[in-house]
Amino acid sequence: MMARDSYAYRQVAVESTEWHGKVEIHPVSGQAYATDLNVQCSRRMSDTSIYPLGTIFLVNAKLTDRLGGPQYLYVWHGDEIKALSDSEAEVFLGAYRRVRL
């Protein structure tokens, strides 16, 4: 098993949203990533019986693509799921404002 390159991962706030009738995870506005960028992560994060729609999560993600396909954010499925309160999300986003990629 290869070790993860921890330097490639960045903390990103993502949220669950409804897109074409299904729940998807996308970056929260105000960060370095477009809000329509797909996020590959644990399916539990999009389970509305556990986390209501609109829940904001703090994840360690890296920007990648699959064999030259479209870019997306990858979150290792074994990472702990951390849901943020509204005030925690506000503090994180205030401290990590970035220019969009």
C-alpha atoms as a PDB file:
ATOM      1  CA  MET A   1       0.000   0.000   0.000  1.00  0.00           C
ATOM      2  CA  MET A   2       1.372   3.416  -0.948  1.00  0.00           C
ATOM      3  CA  ALA A   3       1.500   6.193   1.615  1.00  0.00           C
ATOM      4  CA  ARG A   4      -0.604   9.269   0.935  1.00  0.00           C
ATOM      5  CA  ASP A   5       1.330  12.384  -0.055  1.00  0.00           C
ATOM      6  CA  SER A   6       0.091  14.637   2.746  1.00  0.00           C
ATOM      7  CA  TYR A   7       1.554  17.710   1.027  1.00  0.00           C
ATOM      8  CA  ALA A   8      -0.891  17.327  -1.878  1.00  0.00           C
ATOM      9  CA  TYR A   9      -3.897  17.638   0.465  1.00  0.00           C
ATOM     10  CA  ARG A  10      -5.450  20.940   1.554  1.00  0.00           C
ATOM     11  CA  GLN A  11      -8.239  21.706   4.003  1.00  0.00           C
ATOM     12  CA  VAL A  12     -11.418  22.567   2.129  1.00  0.00           C
ATOM     13  CA  ALA A  13     -14.950  23.332   3.317  1.00  0.00           C
ATOM     14  CA  VAL A  14     -17.490  21.371   1.258  1.00  0.00           C
ATOM     15  CA  GLU A  15     -21.265  21.127   1.544  1.00  0.00           C
ATOM     16  CA  SER A  16     -24.038  18.762   0.572  1.00  0.00           C
ATOM     17  CA  THR A  17     -26.321  20.158  -2.124  1.00  0.00           C
ATOM     18  CA  GLU A  18     -29.099  18.764  -4.277  1.00  0.00           C
ATOM     19  CA  TRP A  19     -28.143  18.597  -7.958  1.00  0.00           C
ATOM     20  CA  HIS A  20     -30.541  17.151 -10.546  1.00  0.00           C
ATOM     21  CA  GLY A  21     -32.487  15.262  -7.884  1.00  0.00           C
ATOM     22  CA  LYS A  22     -29.529  13.702  -6.084  1.00  0.00           C
ATOM     23  CA  VAL A  23     -27.288  14.773  -3.231  1.00  0.00           C
ATOM     24  CA  GLU A  24     -23.771  15.807  -4.218  1.00  0.00           C
ATOM     25  CA  ILE A  25     -20.833  17.326  -2.365  1.00  0.00           C
ATOM     26  CA  HIS A  26     -19.255  20.546  -3.691  1.00  0.00           C
ATOM     27  CA  PRO A  27     -16.821  23.190  -2.366  1.00  0.00           C
ATOM     28  CA  VAL A  28     -18.334  26.075  -0.399  1.00  0.00           C
ATOM     29  CA  SER A  29     -18.158  29.484  -2.096  1.00  0.00           C
ATOM     30  CA  GLY A  30     -15.281  31.812  -1.214  1.00  0.00           C
ATOM     31  CA  GLN A  31     -12.405  29.339  -1.515  1.00  0.00           C
ATOM     32  CA  ALA A  32      -9.873  28.519  -4.216  1.00  0.00           C
ATOM     33  CA  TYR A  33     -12.196  26.013  -5.902  1.00  0.00           C
ATOM     34  CA  ALA A  34     -15.262  26.554  -8.081  1.00  0.00           C
ATOM     35  CA  THR A  35     -18.535  25.630  -6.380  1.00  0.00           C
ATOM     36  CA  ASP A  36     -19.483  23.287  -9.244  1.00  0.00           C
ATOM     37  CA  LEU A  37     -16.298  21.195  -8.875  1.00  0.00           C
ATOM     38  CA  ASN A  38     -17.156  17.581  -8.035  1.00  0.00           C
ATOM     39  CA  VAL A  39     -15.890  16.087  -4.769  1.00  0.00           C
ATOM     40  CA  GLN A  40     -15.240  12.345  -4.487  1.00  0.00           C
ATOM     41  CA  CYS A  41     -15.671  11.382  -0.837  1.00  0.00           C
ATOM     42  CA  SER A  42     -17.368   8.996   1.580  1.00  0.00           C
ATOM     43  CA  ARG A  43     -20.990   8.288   0.621  1.00  0.00           C
ATOM     44  CA  ARG A  44     -21.947   8.873   4.261  1.00  0.00           C
ATOM     45  CA  MET A  45     -21.454  12.614   3.700  1.00  0.00           C
ATOM     46  CA  SER A  46     -24.348  12.665   1.215  1.00  0.00           C
ATOM     47  CA  ASP A  47     -26.646  10.508   3.395  1.00  0.00           C
ATOM     48  CA  THR A  48     -29.424  12.928   4.421  1.00  0.00           C
ATOM     49  CA  SER A  49     -30.602  10.557   7.180  1.00  0.00           C
ATOM     50  CA  ILE A  50     -27.270  11.298   8.938  1.00  0.00           C
ATOM     51  CA  TYR A  51     -26.407  14.823   7.725  1.00  0.00           C
ATOM     52  CA  PRO A  52     -29.154  17.228   6.574  1.00  0.00           C
ATOM     53  CA  LEU A  53     -28.890  18.835   3.132  1.00  0.00           C
ATOM     54  CA  GLY A  54     -26.648  21.902   3.362  1.00  0.00           C
ATOM     55  CA  THR A  55     -24.314  20.423   5.980  1.00  0.00           C
ATOM     56  CA  ILE A  56     -20.798  21.886   5.694  1.00  0.00           C
ATOM     57  CA  PHE A  57     -17.858  19.542   6.204  1.00  0.00           C
ATOM     58  CA  LEU A  58     -14.163  20.239   6.717  1.00  0.00           C
ATOM     59  CA  VAL A  59     -12.136  17.780   4.637  1.00  0.00           C
ATOM     60  CA  ASN A  60      -8.572  17.198   3.507  1.00  0.00           C
ATOM     61  CA  ALA A  61      -8.766  17.073  -0.275  1.00  0.00           C
ATOM     62  CA  LYS A  62      -6.467  17.120  -3.262  1.00  0.00           C
ATOM     63  CA  LEU A  63      -7.199  18.328  -6.776  1.00  0.00           C
ATOM     64  CA  THR A  64      -6.786  15.496  -9.245  1.00  0.00           C
ATOM     65  CA  ASP A  65      -8.118  13.993 -12.467  1.00  0.00           C
ATOM     66  CA  ARG A  66      -8.511  10.448 -13.659  1.00  0.00           C
ATOM     67  CA  LEU A  67      -6.337   9.722 -16.690  1.00  0.00           C
ATOM     68  CA  GLY A  68      -6.739  13.209 -18.111  1.00  0.00           C
ATOM     69  CA  GLY A  69     -10.468  13.472 -17.412  1.00  0.00           C
ATOM     70  CA  PRO A  70     -12.157  16.411 -15.711  1.00  0.00           C
ATOM     71  CA  GLN A  71     -10.622  17.659 -12.482  1.00  0.00           C
ATOM     72  CA  TYR A  72     -12.262  16.933  -9.124  1.00  0.00           C
ATOM     73  CA  LEU A  73     -11.415  17.047  -5.436  1.00  0.00           C
ATOM     74  CA  TYR A  74     -10.509  13.691  -3.906  1.00  0.00           C
ATOM     75  CA  VAL A  75     -11.122  13.015  -0.205  1.00  0.00           C
ATOM     76  CA  TRP A  76      -9.754   9.750   1.181  1.00  0.00           C
ATOM     77  CA  HIS A  77     -12.757   7.644   2.273  1.00  0.00           C
ATOM     78  CA  GLY A  78     -11.046   6.627   5.535  1.00  0.00           C
ATOM     79  CA  ASP A  79     -10.708  10.184   6.870  1.00  0.00           C
ATOM     80  CA  GLU A  80     -12.861  11.211   9.816  1.00  0.00           C
ATOM     81  CA  ILE A  81     -16.011  13.092   8.795  1.00  0.00           C
ATOM     82  CA  LYS A  82     -16.094  16.509  10.481  1.00  0.00           C
ATOM     83  CA  ALA A  83     -19.326  18.474  10.150  1.00  0.00           C
ATOM     84  CA  LEU A  84     -18.942  22.182  10.929  1.00  0.00           C
ATOM     85  CA  SER A  85     -21.400  24.357  12.820  1.00  0.00           C
ATOM     86  CA  ASP A  86     -22.393  27.620  11.117  1.00  0.00           C
ATOM     87  CA  SER A  87     -19.981  29.583  13.323  1.00  0.00           C
ATOM     88  CA  GLU A  88     -17.104  27.124  12.727  1.00  0.00           C
ATOM     89  CA  ALA A  89     -17.687  27.346   8.961  1.00  0.00           C
ATOM     90  CA  GLU A  90     -17.709  31.153   9.126  1.00  0.00           C
ATOM     91  CA  VAL A  91     -14.398  31.204  11.040  1.00  0.00           C
ATOM     92  CA  PHE A  92     -12.765  28.711   8.628  1.00  0.00           C
ATOM     93  CA  LEU A  93     -13.931  30.537   5.508  1.00  0.00           C
ATOM     94  CA  GLY A  94     -12.892  33.888   6.941  1.00  0.00           C
ATOM     95  CA  ALA A  95      -9.364  32.611   7.655  1.00  0.00           C
ATOM     96  CA  TYR A  96      -8.880  30.781   4.333  1.00  0.00           C
ATOM     97  CA  ARG A  97     -10.250  33.126   1.666  1.00  0.00           C
ATOM     98  CA  ARG A  98      -8.504  32.410  -1.623  1.00  0.00           C
ATOM     99  CA  VAL A  99      -8.686  33.492  -5.242  1.00  0.00           C
ATOM    100  CA  ARG A 100     -10.676  31.060  -7.363  1.00  0.00           C
ATOM    101  CA  LEU A 101      -8.679  28.602  -9.472  1.00  0.00           C
END
